[in-house]
């Protein structure tokens, strides 16, 4: 299919797409999920405006447990769950093995799309000069109320003010409307020899099997769905070398009060997909050249 609205691919700027399926947003708007025939990146079309995207992250997004949001993101239970994932990913990506050298170099970190600032707090407790940027005004305000250095801003809208030893994007990449502009900002933000760590939903076996019902097929806020190979290639164009990659997540989400068969299935499936590299989330550790 050739895109009738003449929209360009956000990665390679091509205009020739293969249509996969349609997906309805929470308010009933129909979006097309397509794959660019040139670079093979899956994406959401038509692409929402910056104002529409900003509206997604206000109000109930962080307060109601749905496919598109969280159940009381500010709660201690959610904070602890998210912090466990941080620690797991950092360990699996070999970050703790290089952390001391990064701290000696300055120990400045920036978390892009930091929400309530949980990773900013996590790193601050580890001795880092940690800061964050978040587009959601309520989340940024909450982080600042906890004494954290978090600004409310669109990371793509302004120049990066400083060079960091570590920049992170936890489940944020898929939300950015202009991946190449994001990469330019990240390349400015990470000093040579510094680390960039990110996690994002992974286009792979589980997304192919589940199609429109994939748990990360959330429109319009999820704009791009990358394969691991495509992501490594894209970041390589901007001076980032992948030093460790992992996948995780079986698609069986954590459910309070879930039945024992569900919990048993999750305990079996989660390590299996991680071991075989078929998780529907991926995390990558890059070094800036």
Protein backbone atom coordinates (compact mmCIF):
# COMPACT_ATOMS: atom_id res chain seq x y z
CA UNK A 1 0.00 0.00 0.00
CA UNK A 2 1.22 3.52 -0.71
CA UNK A 3 0.31 5.91 2.08
CA UNK A 4 -2.68 7.95 0.90
CA UNK A 5 -1.81 10.88 3.18
CA UNK A 6 1.77 11.06 1.81
CA UNK A 7 3.19 10.66 5.28
CA UNK A 8 6.82 9.65 5.39
CA UNK A 9 8.42 6.85 7.34
CA UNK A 10 9.83 8.33 10.52
CA UNK A 11 13.06 6.36 10.12
CA UNK A 12 14.05 6.37 6.43
CA UNK A 13 11.54 8.94 5.06
CA UNK A 14 10.15 6.52 2.49
CA UNK A 15 6.47 6.60 1.54
CA UNK A 16 5.81 3.01 0.53
CA UNK A 17 4.19 0.93 3.29
CA UNK A 18 2.77 -2.55 3.66
CA UNK A 19 -0.49 -2.47 5.59
CA UNK A 20 -0.67 -4.94 8.48
CA UNK A 21 -3.94 -4.23 10.29
CA UNK A 22 -6.02 -1.50 11.90
CA UNK A 23 -6.13 -0.69 15.60
CA UNK A 24 -8.70 1.37 17.45
CA UNK A 25 -7.60 3.88 20.08
CA UNK A 26 -9.28 4.33 23.45
CA UNK A 27 -11.44 7.14 22.04
CA UNK A 28 -12.45 5.10 18.98
CA UNK A 29 -10.10 6.60 16.39
CA UNK A 30 -8.86 4.06 13.83
CA UNK A 31 -5.12 3.90 13.12
CA UNK A 32 -3.24 1.88 10.52
CA UNK A 33 -0.32 -0.29 11.59
CA UNK A 34 2.10 -0.47 8.67
CA UNK A 35 5.61 -1.63 7.82
CA UNK A 36 7.91 0.55 5.73
CA UNK A 37 8.97 -1.46 2.68
CA UNK A 38 12.34 0.29 2.66
CA UNK A 39 13.62 0.02 6.27
CA UNK A 40 11.12 -2.57 7.60
CA UNK A 41 10.14 -0.44 10.61
CA UNK A 42 6.61 -1.03 11.89
CA UNK A 43 4.77 2.19 12.74
CA UNK A 44 1.44 3.85 13.47
CA UNK A 45 -0.26 6.00 10.83
CA UNK A 46 -1.59 8.61 10.63
CA UNK A 47 0.96 9.97 13.06
CA UNK A 48 -0.72 12.04 15.80
CA UNK A 49 0.24 15.66 16.32
CA UNK A 50 2.51 16.76 19.16
CA UNK A 51 -0.53 18.22 20.92
CA UNK A 52 -2.46 14.95 20.66
CA UNK A 53 0.52 13.00 22.00
CA UNK A 54 1.01 15.38 24.91
CA UNK A 55 -2.66 14.94 25.81
CA UNK A 56 -2.17 11.16 26.05
CA UNK A 57 0.05 11.55 29.11
CA UNK A 58 -2.18 13.81 31.13
CA UNK A 59 -5.20 12.91 33.24
CA UNK A 60 -5.79 9.21 33.82
CA UNK A 61 -2.84 7.71 31.89
CA UNK A 62 -0.82 7.16 35.08
CA UNK A 63 -3.81 6.43 37.31
CA UNK A 64 -5.98 3.74 35.68
CA UNK A 65 -4.79 0.23 34.91
CA UNK A 66 -5.49 -0.29 31.20
CA UNK A 67 -3.59 -1.43 28.11
CA UNK A 68 -2.47 2.15 27.80
CA UNK A 69 -1.63 3.20 31.32
CA UNK A 70 -0.79 2.30 34.87
CA UNK A 71 -2.65 1.58 38.07
CA UNK A 72 -1.72 4.48 40.35
CA UNK A 73 1.82 4.99 39.07
CA UNK A 74 2.66 7.02 42.17
CA UNK A 75 2.02 4.09 44.52
CA UNK A 76 4.84 2.44 46.44
CA UNK A 77 3.91 -0.96 44.99
CA UNK A 78 4.36 0.28 41.42
CA UNK A 79 7.61 2.07 42.32
CA UNK A 80 9.06 -1.11 43.80
CA UNK A 81 7.99 -3.20 40.81
CA UNK A 82 9.56 -0.74 38.36
CA UNK A 83 12.74 -0.48 40.41
CA UNK A 84 13.13 -4.27 40.32
CA UNK A 85 12.99 -4.14 36.52
CA UNK A 86 15.61 -1.35 36.48
CA UNK A 87 17.96 -3.43 38.62
CA UNK A 88 17.37 -6.60 36.58
CA UNK A 89 18.02 -4.86 33.27
CA UNK A 90 21.11 -3.04 34.50
CA UNK A 91 22.58 -6.29 35.80
CA UNK A 92 21.80 -8.21 32.60
CA UNK A 93 23.25 -5.41 30.47
CA UNK A 94 26.55 -5.35 32.37
CA UNK A 95 26.06 -1.81 33.62
CA UNK A 96 27.27 -2.47 37.16
CA UNK A 97 30.58 -3.68 35.72
CA UNK A 98 31.28 -0.25 34.19
CA UNK A 99 29.42 1.95 36.69
CA UNK A 100 32.48 2.82 38.79
CA UNK A 101 34.40 4.14 35.76
CA UNK A 102 31.42 6.24 34.70
CA UNK A 103 31.13 7.66 38.21
CA UNK A 104 34.82 8.56 38.25
CA UNK A 105 34.35 10.35 34.93
CA UNK A 106 31.72 12.63 36.46
CA UNK A 107 28.70 10.54 37.31
CA UNK A 108 26.13 12.68 35.52
CA UNK A 109 23.00 10.86 34.34
CA UNK A 110 19.85 11.89 32.47
CA UNK A 111 16.66 9.82 32.28
CA UNK A 112 14.56 10.76 29.24
CA UNK A 113 10.84 10.19 29.76
CA UNK A 114 11.40 9.74 33.47
CA UNK A 115 7.71 9.82 34.57
CA UNK A 116 7.64 10.14 38.38
CA UNK A 117 11.43 10.12 38.56
CA UNK A 118 11.90 6.62 39.97
CA UNK A 119 15.11 5.99 38.02
CA UNK A 120 16.41 9.46 38.90
CA UNK A 121 15.92 8.58 42.56
CA UNK A 122 17.45 5.11 42.02
CA UNK A 123 20.63 6.57 40.55
CA UNK A 124 20.82 9.41 43.05
CA UNK A 125 20.89 6.83 45.85
CA UNK A 126 23.79 5.16 44.06
CA UNK A 127 25.85 8.33 44.15
CA UNK A 128 25.03 9.80 40.75
CA UNK A 129 24.27 13.41 39.92
CA UNK A 130 20.96 12.34 38.43
CA UNK A 131 18.35 14.33 36.54
CA UNK A 132 15.37 13.66 34.30
CA UNK A 133 13.08 15.14 31.67
CA UNK A 134 9.38 14.29 31.39
CA UNK A 135 6.63 15.56 29.06
CA UNK A 136 3.78 14.92 31.52
CA UNK A 137 3.30 17.96 33.75
CA UNK A 138 1.64 16.01 36.62
CA UNK A 139 4.43 13.41 36.67
CA UNK A 140 7.21 15.99 36.51
CA UNK A 141 5.56 17.96 39.32
CA UNK A 142 5.31 14.79 41.41
CA UNK A 143 9.00 14.05 40.87
CA UNK A 144 9.98 17.56 41.91
CA UNK A 145 7.81 17.28 45.02
CA UNK A 146 10.08 14.37 46.01
CA UNK A 147 13.11 16.62 45.76
CA UNK A 148 14.29 15.26 42.40
CA UNK A 149 15.90 17.24 39.58
CA UNK A 150 13.24 16.75 36.91
CA UNK A 151 12.09 19.26 34.30
CA UNK A 152 8.80 19.17 32.41
CA UNK A 153 9.69 19.51 28.73
CA UNK A 154 9.65 17.89 25.31
CA UNK A 155 13.15 16.42 24.91
CA UNK A 156 12.94 16.96 21.14
CA UNK A 157 12.02 20.62 21.41
CA UNK A 158 15.30 22.09 22.66
CA UNK A 159 19.02 21.64 22.45
CA UNK A 160 20.72 19.37 24.96
CA UNK A 161 22.37 21.57 27.55
CA UNK A 162 25.17 19.28 28.69
CA UNK A 163 27.10 16.08 28.10
CA UNK A 164 26.25 13.08 30.29
CA UNK A 165 28.08 9.93 31.34
CA UNK A 166 24.83 7.97 31.18
CA UNK A 167 21.54 8.61 29.38
CA UNK A 168 18.58 6.24 29.76
CA UNK A 169 15.24 5.78 28.03
CA UNK A 170 13.09 3.23 29.86
CA UNK A 171 10.09 2.28 27.68
CA UNK A 172 10.20 5.73 26.06
CA UNK A 173 11.64 5.28 22.56
CA UNK A 174 8.37 4.04 21.06
CA UNK A 175 6.64 7.27 22.13
CA UNK A 176 8.83 9.70 20.15
CA UNK A 177 7.41 10.98 16.87
CA UNK A 178 10.79 11.68 15.22
CA UNK A 179 13.33 8.90 15.87
CA UNK A 180 16.14 10.58 13.94
CA UNK A 181 15.74 13.88 15.75
CA UNK A 182 15.74 11.90 18.99
CA UNK A 183 18.98 10.18 17.93
CA UNK A 184 20.61 13.54 17.20
CA UNK A 185 19.60 14.80 20.63
CA UNK A 186 20.93 11.62 22.27
CA UNK A 187 24.19 11.82 20.34
CA UNK A 188 24.63 15.35 21.71
CA UNK A 189 23.70 14.28 25.22
CA UNK A 190 26.07 11.31 25.69
CA UNK A 191 29.78 12.09 25.95
CA UNK A 192 32.26 9.96 23.98
CA UNK A 193 32.86 6.81 26.00
CA UNK A 194 29.61 7.28 27.88
CA UNK A 195 26.70 4.83 28.05
CA UNK A 196 23.21 4.91 26.60
CA UNK A 197 20.75 2.36 27.96
CA UNK A 198 17.21 1.89 26.71
CA UNK A 199 14.30 -0.49 26.81
CA UNK A 200 11.46 -0.65 24.32
CA UNK A 201 8.84 -3.06 23.04
CA UNK A 202 10.34 -5.51 20.54
CA UNK A 203 8.85 -6.43 17.20
CA UNK A 204 9.39 -10.18 16.95
CA UNK A 205 7.74 -13.55 17.36
CA UNK A 206 5.25 -12.59 20.08
CA UNK A 207 4.12 -9.42 18.32
CA UNK A 208 3.68 -11.41 15.10
CA UNK A 209 1.63 -14.12 16.84
CA UNK A 210 -0.69 -11.72 18.67
CA UNK A 211 -1.08 -8.97 16.04
CA UNK A 212 -3.60 -6.27 17.02
CA UNK A 213 -4.01 -7.79 20.49
CA UNK A 214 -0.30 -7.52 21.33
CA UNK A 215 -0.04 -5.88 24.74
CA UNK A 216 2.19 -3.09 23.37
CA UNK A 217 0.02 -2.31 20.36
CA UNK A 218 -1.20 0.87 22.06
CA UNK A 219 -2.32 3.67 19.73
CA UNK A 220 -1.75 6.47 19.24
CA UNK A 221 1.02 6.78 21.87
CA UNK A 222 3.15 3.88 20.62
CA UNK A 223 4.42 5.14 17.29
CA UNK A 224 7.27 2.82 16.30
CA UNK A 225 7.90 -0.88 16.83
CA UNK A 226 11.53 -1.83 16.21
CA UNK A 227 13.26 -5.13 15.72
CA UNK A 228 16.49 -5.60 17.65
CA UNK A 229 18.57 -5.67 14.47
CA UNK A 230 16.92 -2.52 13.11
CA UNK A 231 17.50 -0.65 16.34
CA UNK A 232 21.19 -1.58 16.52
CA UNK A 233 21.66 -0.46 12.92
CA UNK A 234 19.84 2.85 13.47
CA UNK A 235 21.76 3.77 16.62
CA UNK A 236 25.02 2.80 14.93
CA UNK A 237 24.47 5.57 12.39
CA UNK A 238 24.71 8.10 15.23
CA UNK A 239 27.89 6.86 16.85
CA UNK A 240 26.52 4.26 19.26
CA UNK A 241 27.99 0.75 19.48
CA UNK A 242 25.84 -1.97 21.06
CA UNK A 243 27.81 -3.77 23.78
CA UNK A 244 25.01 -5.89 25.29
CA UNK A 245 21.45 -6.76 24.30
CA UNK A 246 18.70 -8.73 26.03
CA UNK A 247 15.03 -9.54 25.56
CA UNK A 248 12.47 -10.30 28.23
CA UNK A 249 8.72 -10.46 28.79
CA UNK A 250 6.45 -13.33 27.74
CA UNK A 251 3.35 -11.20 27.29
CA UNK A 252 1.91 -12.47 30.57
CA UNK A 253 1.71 -9.29 32.59
CA UNK A 254 1.83 -9.07 36.37
CA UNK A 255 -1.76 -9.26 37.62
CA UNK A 256 -2.62 -8.75 41.28
CA UNK A 257 -4.82 -11.63 42.43
CA UNK A 258 -4.13 -13.75 39.33
CA UNK A 259 -5.05 -17.45 39.50
CA UNK A 260 -2.34 -19.98 40.29
CA UNK A 261 -2.38 -21.48 36.77
CA UNK A 262 -1.72 -18.02 35.35
CA UNK A 263 1.09 -17.38 37.84
CA UNK A 264 2.60 -20.79 37.09
CA UNK A 265 2.47 -20.15 33.35
CA UNK A 266 4.15 -16.79 33.82
CA UNK A 267 6.91 -18.32 35.94
CA UNK A 268 7.62 -20.79 33.14
CA UNK A 269 7.19 -18.47 30.16
CA UNK A 270 9.19 -15.47 31.36
CA UNK A 271 12.56 -17.26 31.72
CA UNK A 272 11.92 -19.29 28.56
CA UNK A 273 11.54 -16.26 26.27
CA UNK A 274 14.47 -14.55 27.96
CA UNK A 275 16.69 -17.58 27.43
CA UNK A 276 15.68 -17.94 23.76
CA UNK A 277 15.82 -14.21 22.94
CA UNK A 278 12.11 -14.06 22.09
CA UNK A 279 10.84 -11.61 24.71
CA UNK A 280 8.47 -8.87 23.57
CA UNK A 281 10.58 -6.26 25.37
CA UNK A 282 14.24 -5.58 24.70
CA UNK A 283 16.93 -3.64 26.50
CA UNK A 284 20.21 -2.51 24.98
CA UNK A 285 23.42 -1.00 26.32
CA UNK A 286 25.29 1.24 23.88
CA UNK A 287 28.66 2.97 24.19
CA UNK A 288 29.15 6.32 22.47
CA UNK A 289 32.10 6.31 20.08
